[in-house]
Amino acid sequence: MEISPQQLADKLRRGEPVWLLDVRHGWEHELARLPDQALIPLPELPSRLDEVRPGPGAQIVCYCHHGVRSLGAAAILREAGSRARCRWLGGSISGRG
């Protein structure tokens, strides 16, 4: 499943349960990040799946800078059996590409 930055903003505004997963590198995370999210860089995700703990009913939203790593993260989560997964489209976390 894919989600746009606007769709994510709408979900957050409505108070829907969302678990944000930043799959960028730590230095990218330091430059800009969303509030209340987890940081697990994509290369580390397969060995850190036990840290992916969304709350009850929460949709996992993976994000990165261009959308490529978030797509990879969604695939890793899907292969690991996660039912809640999606990737954030639209590029950078600003939603402006």
PDB file of N, CA and C in Angstrom:
ATOM      1  N   MET A   1       0.847  -1.167   0.000  1.00  0.00           N
ATOM      2  CA  MET A   1       0.000   0.000   0.000  1.00  0.00           C
ATOM      3  C   MET A   1       0.896   1.234   0.000  1.00  0.00           C
ATOM      4  N   GLU A   2       0.490   2.246  -0.679  1.00  0.00           N
ATOM      5  CA  GLU A   2       1.241   3.484  -0.744  1.00  0.00           C
ATOM      6  C   GLU A   2       0.427   4.599  -0.105  1.00  0.00           C
ATOM      7  N   ILE A   3       1.127   5.567   0.433  1.00  0.00           N
ATOM      8  CA  ILE A   3       0.459   6.701   1.062  1.00  0.00           C
ATOM      9  C   ILE A   3       1.211   7.972   0.682  1.00  0.00           C
ATOM     10  N   SER A   4       0.476   9.005   0.395  1.00  0.00           N
ATOM     11  CA  SER A   4       1.088  10.292   0.043  1.00  0.00           C
ATOM     12  C   SER A   4       1.307  11.096   1.322  1.00  0.00           C
ATOM     13  N   PRO A   5       2.167  12.097   1.258  1.00  0.00           N
ATOM     14  CA  PRO A   5       2.339  12.965   2.426  1.00  0.00           C
ATOM     15  C   PRO A   5       1.021  13.594   2.886  1.00  0.00           C
ATOM     16  N   GLN A   6       0.166  13.979   1.951  1.00  0.00           N
ATOM     17  CA  GLN A   6      -1.118  14.579   2.333  1.00  0.00           C
ATOM     18  C   GLN A   6      -2.018  13.563   3.033  1.00  0.00           C
ATOM     19  N   GLN A   7      -2.040  12.323   2.520  1.00  0.00           N
ATOM     20  CA  GLN A   7      -2.839  11.287   3.174  1.00  0.00           C
ATOM     21  C   GLN A   7      -2.334  11.018   4.587  1.00  0.00           C
ATOM     22  N   LEU A   8      -1.003  11.014   4.749  1.00  0.00           N
ATOM     23  CA  LEU A   8      -0.432  10.816   6.080  1.00  0.00           C
ATOM     24  C   LEU A   8      -0.837  11.957   7.005  1.00  0.00           C
ATOM     25  N   ALA A   9      -0.728  13.180   6.524  1.00  0.00           N
ATOM     26  CA  ALA A   9      -1.112  14.335   7.341  1.00  0.00           C
ATOM     27  C   ALA A   9      -2.571  14.240   7.758  1.00  0.00           C
ATOM     28  N   ASP A  10      -3.433  13.802   6.840  1.00  0.00           N
ATOM     29  CA  ASP A  10      -4.857  13.651   7.158  1.00  0.00           C
ATOM     30  C   ASP A  10      -5.065  12.600   8.241  1.00  0.00           C
ATOM     31  N   LYS A  11      -4.374  11.464   8.127  1.00  0.00           N
ATOM     32  CA  LYS A  11      -4.489  10.410   9.135  1.00  0.00           C
ATOM     33  C   LYS A  11      -4.053  10.921  10.509  1.00  0.00           C
ATOM     34  N   LEU A  12      -2.927  11.623  10.531  1.00  0.00           N
ATOM     35  CA  LEU A  12      -2.422  12.148  11.804  1.00  0.00           C
ATOM     36  C   LEU A  12      -3.385  13.176  12.385  1.00  0.00           C
ATOM     37  N   ARG A  13      -3.945  14.022  11.547  1.00  0.00           N
ATOM     38  CA  ARG A  13      -4.896  15.039  11.996  1.00  0.00           C
ATOM     39  C   ARG A  13      -6.152  14.394  12.590  1.00  0.00           C
ATOM     40  N   ARG A  14      -6.572  13.267  12.001  1.00  0.00           N
ATOM     41  CA  ARG A  14      -7.763  12.558  12.498  1.00  0.00           C
ATOM     42  C   ARG A  14      -7.449  11.699  13.723  1.00  0.00           C
ATOM     43  N   GLY A  15      -6.180  11.598  14.074  1.00  0.00           N
ATOM     44  CA  GLY A  15      -5.801  10.801  15.237  1.00  0.00           C
ATOM     45  C   GLY A  15      -5.765   9.309  14.975  1.00  0.00           C
ATOM     46  N   GLU A  16      -5.688   8.917  13.714  1.00  0.00           N
ATOM     47  CA  GLU A  16      -5.605   7.496  13.392  1.00  0.00           C
ATOM     48  C   GLU A  16      -4.245   6.958  13.838  1.00  0.00           C
ATOM     49  N   PRO A  17      -4.195   5.705  14.297  1.00  0.00           N
ATOM     50  CA  PRO A  17      -2.923   5.146  14.770  1.00  0.00           C
ATOM     51  C   PRO A  17      -1.951   4.894  13.612  1.00  0.00           C
ATOM     52  N   VAL A  18      -0.812   5.543  13.680  1.00  0.00           N
ATOM     53  CA  VAL A  18       0.230   5.425  12.664  1.00  0.00           C
ATOM     54  C   VAL A  18       1.562   5.254  13.387  1.00  0.00           C
ATOM     55  N   TRP A  19       2.398   4.341  12.897  1.00  0.00           N
ATOM     56  CA  TRP A  19       3.738   4.140  13.445  1.00  0.00           C
ATOM     57  C   TRP A  19       4.731   4.515  12.361  1.00  0.00           C
ATOM     58  N   LEU A  20       5.428   5.622  12.560  1.00  0.00           N
ATOM     59  CA  LEU A  20       6.354   6.147  11.563  1.00  0.00           C
ATOM     60  C   LEU A  20       7.724   5.504  11.708  1.00  0.00           C
ATOM     61  N   LEU A  21       8.244   5.006  10.589  1.00  0.00           N
ATOM     62  CA  LEU A  21       9.561   4.370  10.571  1.00  0.00           C
ATOM     63  C   LEU A  21      10.455   5.075   9.564  1.00  0.00           C
ATOM     64  N   ASP A  22      11.448   5.782  10.071  1.00  0.00           N
ATOM     65  CA  ASP A  22      12.428   6.472   9.246  1.00  0.00           C
ATOM     66  C   ASP A  22      13.506   5.455   8.883  1.00  0.00           C
ATOM     67  N   VAL A  23      13.681   5.188   7.592  1.00  0.00           N
ATOM     68  CA  VAL A  23      14.671   4.191   7.156  1.00  0.00           C
ATOM     69  C   VAL A  23      15.889   4.847   6.519  1.00  0.00           C
ATOM     70  N   ARG A  24      16.071   6.142   6.790  1.00  0.00           N
ATOM     71  CA  ARG A  24      17.243   6.857   6.282  1.00  0.00           C
ATOM     72  C   ARG A  24      18.434   6.618   7.205  1.00  0.00           C
ATOM     73  N   HIS A  25      19.578   7.142   6.821  1.00  0.00           N
ATOM     74  CA  HIS A  25      20.774   7.077   7.658  1.00  0.00           C
ATOM     75  C   HIS A  25      20.623   8.049   8.825  1.00  0.00           C
ATOM     76  N   GLY A  26      21.373   7.791   9.880  1.00  0.00           N
ATOM     77  CA  GLY A  26      21.303   8.635  11.059  1.00  0.00           C
ATOM     78  C   GLY A  26      21.587  10.101  10.786  1.00  0.00           C
ATOM     79  N   TRP A  27      22.557  10.384   9.918  1.00  0.00           N
ATOM     80  CA  TRP A  27      22.889  11.786   9.627  1.00  0.00           C
ATOM     81  C   TRP A  27      21.747  12.484   8.905  1.00  0.00           C
ATOM     82  N   GLU A  28      20.993  11.746   8.080  1.00  0.00           N
ATOM     83  CA  GLU A  28      19.840  12.336   7.399  1.00  0.00           C
ATOM     84  C   GLU A  28      18.735  12.633   8.416  1.00  0.00           C
ATOM     85  N   HIS A  29      18.580  11.708   9.332  1.00  0.00           N
ATOM     86  CA  HIS A  29      17.581  11.831  10.384  1.00  0.00           C
ATOM     87  C   HIS A  29      17.847  13.081  11.233  1.00  0.00           C
ATOM     88  N   GLU A  30      19.121  13.358  11.482  1.00  0.00           N
ATOM     89  CA  GLU A  30      19.481  14.536  12.273  1.00  0.00           C
ATOM     90  C   GLU A  30      19.151  15.842  11.557  1.00  0.00           C
ATOM     91  N   LEU A  31      19.188  15.829  10.245  1.00  0.00           N
ATOM     92  CA  LEU A  31      18.898  17.037   9.469  1.00  0.00           C
ATOM     93  C   LEU A  31      17.421  17.399   9.489  1.00  0.00           C
ATOM     94  N   ALA A  32      16.552  16.391   9.387  1.00  0.00           N
ATOM     95  CA  ALA A  32      15.101  16.623   9.360  1.00  0.00           C
ATOM     96  C   ALA A  32      14.404  15.322   9.720  1.00  0.00           C
ATOM     97  N   ARG A  33      13.389  15.442  10.529  1.00  0.00           N
ATOM     98  CA  ARG A  33      12.654  14.242  10.942  1.00  0.00           C
ATOM     99  C   ARG A  33      11.234  14.613  11.353  1.00  0.00           C
ATOM    100  N   LEU A  34      10.406  13.600  11.370  1.00  0.00           N
ATOM    101  CA  LEU A  34       9.034  13.767  11.824  1.00  0.00           C
ATOM    102  C   LEU A  34       8.984  13.478  13.323  1.00  0.00           C
ATOM    103  N   PRO A  35       8.024  14.058  14.010  1.00  0.00           N
ATOM    104  CA  PRO A  35       7.896  13.782  15.445  1.00  0.00           C
ATOM    105  C   PRO A  35       7.371  12.366  15.693  1.00  0.00           C
ATOM    106  N   ASP A  36       7.696  11.834  16.849  1.00  0.00           N
ATOM    107  CA  ASP A  36       7.157  10.543  17.293  1.00  0.00           C
ATOM    108  C   ASP A  36       7.369   9.424  16.286  1.00  0.00           C
ATOM    109  N   GLN A  37       8.607   9.203  15.910  1.00  0.00           N
ATOM    110  CA  GLN A  37       8.914   8.149  14.953  1.00  0.00           C
ATOM    111  C   GLN A  37      10.115   7.346  15.416  1.00  0.00           C
ATOM    112  N   ALA A  38      10.341   6.225  14.744  1.00  0.00           N
ATOM    113  CA  ALA A  38      11.486   5.367  15.027  1.00  0.00           C
ATOM    114  C   ALA A  38      12.495   5.510  13.890  1.00  0.00           C
ATOM    115  N   LEU A  39      13.764   5.352  14.207  1.00  0.00           N
ATOM    116  CA  LEU A  39      14.819   5.372  13.196  1.00  0.00           C
ATOM    117  C   LEU A  39      15.467   3.999  13.153  1.00  0.00           C
ATOM    118  N   ILE A  40      15.319   3.327  12.014  1.00  0.00           N
ATOM    119  CA  ILE A  40      16.031   2.080  11.733  1.00  0.00           C
ATOM    120  C   ILE A  40      16.490   2.176  10.288  1.00  0.00           C
ATOM    121  N   PRO A  41      17.770   2.511  10.059  1.00  0.00           N
ATOM    122  CA  PRO A  41      18.250   2.614   8.681  1.00  0.00           C
ATOM    123  C   PRO A  41      17.991   1.319   7.908  1.00  0.00           C
ATOM    124  N   LEU A  42      17.634   1.451   6.647  1.00  0.00           N
ATOM    125  CA  LEU A  42      17.253   0.299   5.837  1.00  0.00           C
ATOM    126  C   LEU A  42      18.245  -0.858   5.907  1.00  0.00           C
ATOM    127  N   PRO A  43      19.578  -0.623   5.817  1.00  0.00           N
ATOM    128  CA  PRO A  43      20.491  -1.763   5.869  1.00  0.00           C
ATOM    129  C   PRO A  43      20.424  -2.538   7.192  1.00  0.00           C
ATOM    130  N   GLU A  44      19.947  -1.884   8.249  1.00  0.00           N
ATOM    131  CA  GLU A  44      19.859  -2.521   9.563  1.00  0.00           C
ATOM    132  C   GLU A  44      18.503  -3.173   9.829  1.00  0.00           C
ATOM    133  N   LEU A  45      17.521  -2.865   9.013  1.00  0.00           N
ATOM    134  CA  LEU A  45      16.154  -3.316   9.282  1.00  0.00           C
ATOM    135  C   LEU A  45      16.019  -4.832   9.416  1.00  0.00           C
ATOM    136  N   PRO A  46      16.603  -5.644   8.529  1.00  0.00           N
ATOM    137  CA  PRO A  46      16.414  -7.093   8.680  1.00  0.00           C
ATOM    138  C   PRO A  46      16.889  -7.635  10.036  1.00  0.00           C
ATOM    139  N   SER A  47      17.935  -7.056  10.591  1.00  0.00           N
ATOM    140  CA  SER A  47      18.447  -7.548  11.875  1.00  0.00           C
ATOM    141  C   SER A  47      17.789  -6.860  13.069  1.00  0.00           C
ATOM    142  N   ARG A  48      16.942  -5.881  12.806  1.00  0.00           N
ATOM    143  CA  ARG A  48      16.303  -5.139  13.902  1.00  0.00           C
ATOM    144  C   ARG A  48      14.774  -5.211  13.841  1.00  0.00           C
ATOM    145  N   LEU A  49      14.250  -6.244  13.184  1.00  0.00           N
ATOM    146  CA  LEU A  49      12.801  -6.364  13.035  1.00  0.00           C
ATOM    147  C   LEU A  49      12.081  -6.430  14.377  1.00  0.00           C
ATOM    148  N   ASP A  50      12.767  -6.913  15.409  1.00  0.00           N
ATOM    149  CA  ASP A  50      12.136  -6.999  16.725  1.00  0.00           C
ATOM    150  C   ASP A  50      11.840  -5.611  17.311  1.00  0.00           C
ATOM    151  N   GLU A  51      12.429  -4.574  16.742  1.00  0.00           N
ATOM    152  CA  GLU A  51      12.177  -3.208  17.202  1.00  0.00           C
ATOM    153  C   GLU A  51      10.969  -2.576  16.518  1.00  0.00           C
ATOM    154  N   VAL A  52      10.439  -3.236  15.523  1.00  0.00           N
ATOM    155  CA  VAL A  52       9.259  -2.724  14.820  1.00  0.00           C
ATOM    156  C   VAL A  52       8.045  -3.169  15.626  1.00  0.00           C
ATOM    157  N   ARG A  53       7.537  -2.245  16.437  1.00  0.00           N
ATOM    158  CA  ARG A  53       6.445  -2.554  17.353  1.00  0.00           C
ATOM    159  C   ARG A  53       5.352  -1.498  17.281  1.00  0.00           C
ATOM    160  N   PRO A  54       4.577  -1.523  16.214  1.00  0.00           N
ATOM    161  CA  PRO A  54       3.483  -0.546  16.140  1.00  0.00           C
ATOM    162  C   PRO A  54       2.426  -0.862  17.194  1.00  0.00           C
ATOM    163  N   GLY A  55       1.728   0.160  17.623  1.00  0.00           N
ATOM    164  CA  GLY A  55       0.650  -0.042  18.580  1.00  0.00           C
ATOM    165  C   GLY A  55      -0.513  -0.791  17.953  1.00  0.00           C
ATOM    166  N   PRO A  56      -1.475  -1.168  18.760  1.00  0.00           N
ATOM    167  CA  PRO A  56      -2.644  -1.895  18.248  1.00  0.00           C
ATOM    168  C   PRO A  56      -3.344  -1.121  17.133  1.00  0.00           C
ATOM    169  N   GLY A  57      -3.516  -1.762  16.010  1.00  0.00           N
ATOM    170  CA  GLY A  57      -4.223  -1.175  14.883  1.00  0.00           C
ATOM    171  C   GLY A  57      -3.449  -0.120  14.113  1.00  0.00           C
ATOM    172  N   ALA A  58      -2.193   0.124  14.485  1.00  0.00           N
ATOM    173  CA  ALA A  58      -1.423   1.175  13.821  1.00  0.00           C
ATOM    174  C   ALA A  58      -0.930   0.722  12.454  1.00  0.00           C
ATOM    175  N   GLN A  59      -0.979   1.631  11.529  1.00  0.00           N
ATOM    176  CA  GLN A  59      -0.437   1.395  10.197  1.00  0.00           C
ATOM    177  C   GLN A  59       1.021   1.834  10.215  1.00  0.00           C
ATOM    178  N   ILE A  60       1.906   0.987   9.713  1.00  0.00           N
ATOM    179  CA  ILE A  60       3.314   1.345   9.613  1.00  0.00           C
ATOM    180  C   ILE A  60       3.515   2.181   8.365  1.00  0.00           C
ATOM    181  N   VAL A  61       4.148   3.338   8.539  1.00  0.00           N
ATOM    182  CA  VAL A  61       4.484   4.195   7.411  1.00  0.00           C
ATOM    183  C   VAL A  61       6.003   4.345   7.401  1.00  0.00           C
ATOM    184  N   CYS A  62       6.632   3.755   6.397  1.00  0.00           N
ATOM    185  CA  CYS A  62       8.076   3.860   6.221  1.00  0.00           C
ATOM    186  C   CYS A  62       8.353   5.099   5.387  1.00  0.00           C
ATOM    187  N   TYR A  63       9.393   5.833   5.764  1.00  0.00           N
ATOM    188  CA  TYR A  63       9.734   6.988   4.944  1.00  0.00           C
ATOM    189  C   TYR A  63      11.236   7.158   4.807  1.00  0.00           C
ATOM    190  N   CYS A  64      11.608   7.821   3.716  1.00  0.00           N
ATOM    191  CA  CYS A  64      13.012   8.102   3.413  1.00  0.00           C
ATOM    192  C   CYS A  64      13.044   9.403   2.617  1.00  0.00           C
ATOM    193  N   HIS A  65      14.097   9.634   1.867  1.00  0.00           N
ATOM    194  CA  HIS A  65      14.219  10.891   1.135  1.00  0.00           C
ATOM    195  C   HIS A  65      13.515  10.862  -0.222  1.00  0.00           C
ATOM    196  N   HIS A  66      13.715   9.804  -0.994  1.00  0.00           N
ATOM    197  CA  HIS A  66      13.147   9.739  -2.342  1.00  0.00           C
ATOM    198  C   HIS A  66      12.045   8.698  -2.506  1.00  0.00           C
ATOM    199  N   GLY A  67      11.907   7.774  -1.567  1.00  0.00           N
ATOM    200  CA  GLY A  67      10.881   6.743  -1.673  1.00  0.00           C
ATOM    201  C   GLY A  67      11.418   5.370  -2.000  1.00  0.00           C
ATOM    202  N   VAL A  68      12.675   5.276  -2.437  1.00  0.00           N
ATOM    203  CA  VAL A  68      13.244   3.981  -2.818  1.00  0.00           C
ATOM    204  C   VAL A  68      13.493   3.111  -1.592  1.00  0.00           C
ATOM    205  N   ARG A  69      14.123   3.684  -0.574  1.00  0.00           N
ATOM    206  CA  ARG A  69      14.398   2.896   0.638  1.00  0.00           C
ATOM    207  C   ARG A  69      13.113   2.508   1.366  1.00  0.00           C
ATOM    208  N   SER A  70      12.123   3.395   1.350  1.00  0.00           N
ATOM    209  CA  SER A  70      10.863   3.053   2.012  1.00  0.00           C
ATOM    210  C   SER A  70      10.167   1.900   1.300  1.00  0.00           C
ATOM    211  N   LEU A  71      10.300   1.831  -0.013  1.00  0.00           N
ATOM    212  CA  LEU A  71       9.762   0.699  -0.766  1.00  0.00           C
ATOM    213  C   LEU A  71      10.467  -0.589  -0.341  1.00  0.00           C
ATOM    214  N   GLY A  72      11.795  -0.535  -0.211  1.00  0.00           N
ATOM    215  CA  GLY A  72      12.551  -1.695   0.253  1.00  0.00           C
ATOM    216  C   GLY A  72      12.155  -2.097   1.661  1.00  0.00           C
ATOM    217  N   ALA A  73      11.947  -1.117   2.528  1.00  0.00           N
ATOM    218  CA  ALA A  73      11.539  -1.409   3.904  1.00  0.00           C
ATOM    219  C   ALA A  73      10.178  -2.090   3.939  1.00  0.00           C
ATOM    220  N   ALA A  74       9.243  -1.599   3.128  1.00  0.00           N
ATOM    221  CA  ALA A  74       7.917  -2.218   3.075  1.00  0.00           C
ATOM    222  C   ALA A  74       8.024  -3.666   2.617  1.00  0.00           C
ATOM    223  N   ALA A  75       8.912  -3.946   1.658  1.00  0.00           N
ATOM    224  CA  ALA A  75       9.101  -5.321   1.187  1.00  0.00           C
ATOM    225  C   ALA A  75       9.685  -6.192   2.294  1.00  0.00           C
ATOM    226  N   ILE A  76      10.654  -5.674   3.030  1.00  0.00           N
ATOM    227  CA  ILE A  76      11.248  -6.431   4.143  1.00  0.00           C
ATOM    228  C   ILE A  76      10.187  -6.738   5.194  1.00  0.00           C
ATOM    229  N   LEU A  77       9.383  -5.752   5.529  1.00  0.00           N
ATOM    230  CA  LEU A  77       8.325  -5.968   6.520  1.00  0.00           C
ATOM    231  C   LEU A  77       7.305  -6.984   6.026  1.00  0.00           C
ATOM    232  N   ARG A  78       6.957  -6.895   4.760  1.00  0.00           N
ATOM    233  CA  ARG A  78       5.997  -7.843   4.177  1.00  0.00           C
ATOM    234  C   ARG A  78       6.551  -9.265   4.235  1.00  0.00           C
ATOM    235  N   GLU A  79       7.830  -9.427   3.854  1.00  0.00           N
ATOM    236  CA  GLU A  79       8.463 -10.747   3.894  1.00  0.00           C
ATOM    237  C   GLU A  79       8.561 -11.287   5.313  1.00  0.00           C
ATOM    238  N   ALA A  80       8.647 -10.386   6.293  1.00  0.00           N
ATOM    239  CA  ALA A  80       8.732 -10.799   7.696  1.00  0.00           C
ATOM    240  C   ALA A  80       7.356 -11.106   8.279  1.00  0.00           C
ATOM    241  N   GLY A  81       6.324 -10.901   7.474  1.00  0.00           N
ATOM    242  CA  GLY A  81       4.978 -11.247   7.920  1.00  0.00           C
ATOM    243  C   GLY A  81       4.184 -10.106   8.510  1.00  0.00           C
ATOM    244  N   SER A  82       4.672  -8.881   8.382  1.00  0.00           N
ATOM    245  CA  SER A  82       3.936  -7.744   8.914  1.00  0.00           C
ATOM    246  C   SER A  82       2.670  -7.540   8.093  1.00  0.00           C
ATOM    247  N   ARG A  83       1.562  -7.338   8.796  1.00  0.00           N
ATOM    248  CA  ARG A  83       0.304  -7.078   8.097  1.00  0.00           C
ATOM    249  C   ARG A  83       0.135  -5.597   7.803  1.00  0.00           C
ATOM    250  N   ALA A  84       0.704  -4.767   8.641  1.00  0.00           N
ATOM    251  CA  ALA A  84       0.561  -3.320   8.462  1.00  0.00           C
ATOM    252  C   ALA A  84       1.829  -2.780   7.828  1.00  0.00           C
ATOM    253  N   ARG A  85       1.702  -2.294   6.613  1.00  0.00           N
ATOM    254  CA  ARG A  85       2.885  -1.772   5.947  1.00  0.00           C
ATOM    255  C   ARG A  85       2.459  -0.839   4.825  1.00  0.00           C
ATOM    256  N   CYS A  86       3.248   0.134   4.603  1.00  0.00           N
ATOM    257  CA  CYS A  86       3.041   0.982   3.441  1.00  0.00           C
ATOM    258  C   CYS A  86       4.282   1.816   3.257  1.00  0.00           C
ATOM    259  N   ARG A  87       4.329   2.484   2.159  1.00  0.00           N
ATOM    260  CA  ARG A  87       5.481   3.320   1.887  1.00  0.00           C
ATOM    261  C   ARG A  87       4.999   4.719   1.599  1.00  0.00           C
ATOM    262  N   TRP A  88       5.747   5.657   2.036  1.00  0.00           N
ATOM    263  CA  TRP A  88       5.388   7.049   1.833  1.00  0.00           C
ATOM    264  C   TRP A  88       5.938   7.508   0.504  1.00  0.00           C
ATOM    265  N   LEU A  89       5.076   7.924  -0.359  1.00  0.00           N
ATOM    266  CA  LEU A  89       5.481   8.462  -1.649  1.00  0.00           C
ATOM    267  C   LEU A  89       5.690   9.964  -1.536  1.00  0.00           C
ATOM    268  N   GLY A  90       6.334  10.522  -2.493  1.00  0.00           N
ATOM    269  CA  GLY A  90       6.415  11.969  -2.577  1.00  0.00           C
ATOM    270  C   GLY A  90       7.788  12.524  -2.287  1.00  0.00           C
ATOM    271  N   GLY A  91       8.755  11.681  -2.048  1.00  0.00           N
ATOM    272  CA  GLY A  91      10.110  12.187  -1.855  1.00  0.00           C
ATOM    273  C   GLY A  91      10.417  12.541  -0.428  1.00  0.00           C
ATOM    274  N   SER A  92      11.044  13.676  -0.237  1.00  0.00           N
ATOM    275  CA  SER A  92      11.563  14.056   1.070  1.00  0.00           C
ATOM    276  C   SER A  92      10.449  14.199   2.102  1.00  0.00           C
ATOM    277  N   ILE A  93      10.854  14.246   3.363  1.00  0.00           N
ATOM    278  CA  ILE A  93       9.853  14.296   4.408  1.00  0.00           C
ATOM    279  C   ILE A  93       9.058  15.585   4.393  1.00  0.00           C
ATOM    280  N   SER A  94       9.503  16.566   3.632  1.00  0.00           N
ATOM    281  CA  SER A  94       8.716  17.783   3.496  1.00  0.00           C
ATOM    282  C   SER A  94       7.521  17.573   2.584  1.00  0.00           C
ATOM    283  N   GLY A  95       7.572  16.476   1.792  1.00  0.00           N
ATOM    284  CA  GLY A  95       6.496  16.208   0.861  1.00  0.00           C
ATOM    285  C   GLY A  95       6.628  16.988  -0.440  1.00  0.00           C
ATOM    286  N   ARG A  96       7.751  17.668  -0.604  1.00  0.00           N
ATOM    287  CA  ARG A  96       7.932  18.466  -1.816  1.00  0.00           C
ATOM    288  C   ARG A  96       8.872  17.834  -2.814  1.00  0.00           C
ATOM    289  N   GLY A  97       9.295  16.584  -2.554  1.00  0.00           N
ATOM    290  CA  GLY A  97      10.130  15.887  -3.513  1.00  0.00           C
ATOM    291  C   GLY A  97      11.588  15.999  -3.320  1.00  0.00           C
TER     292      GLY A  97
END
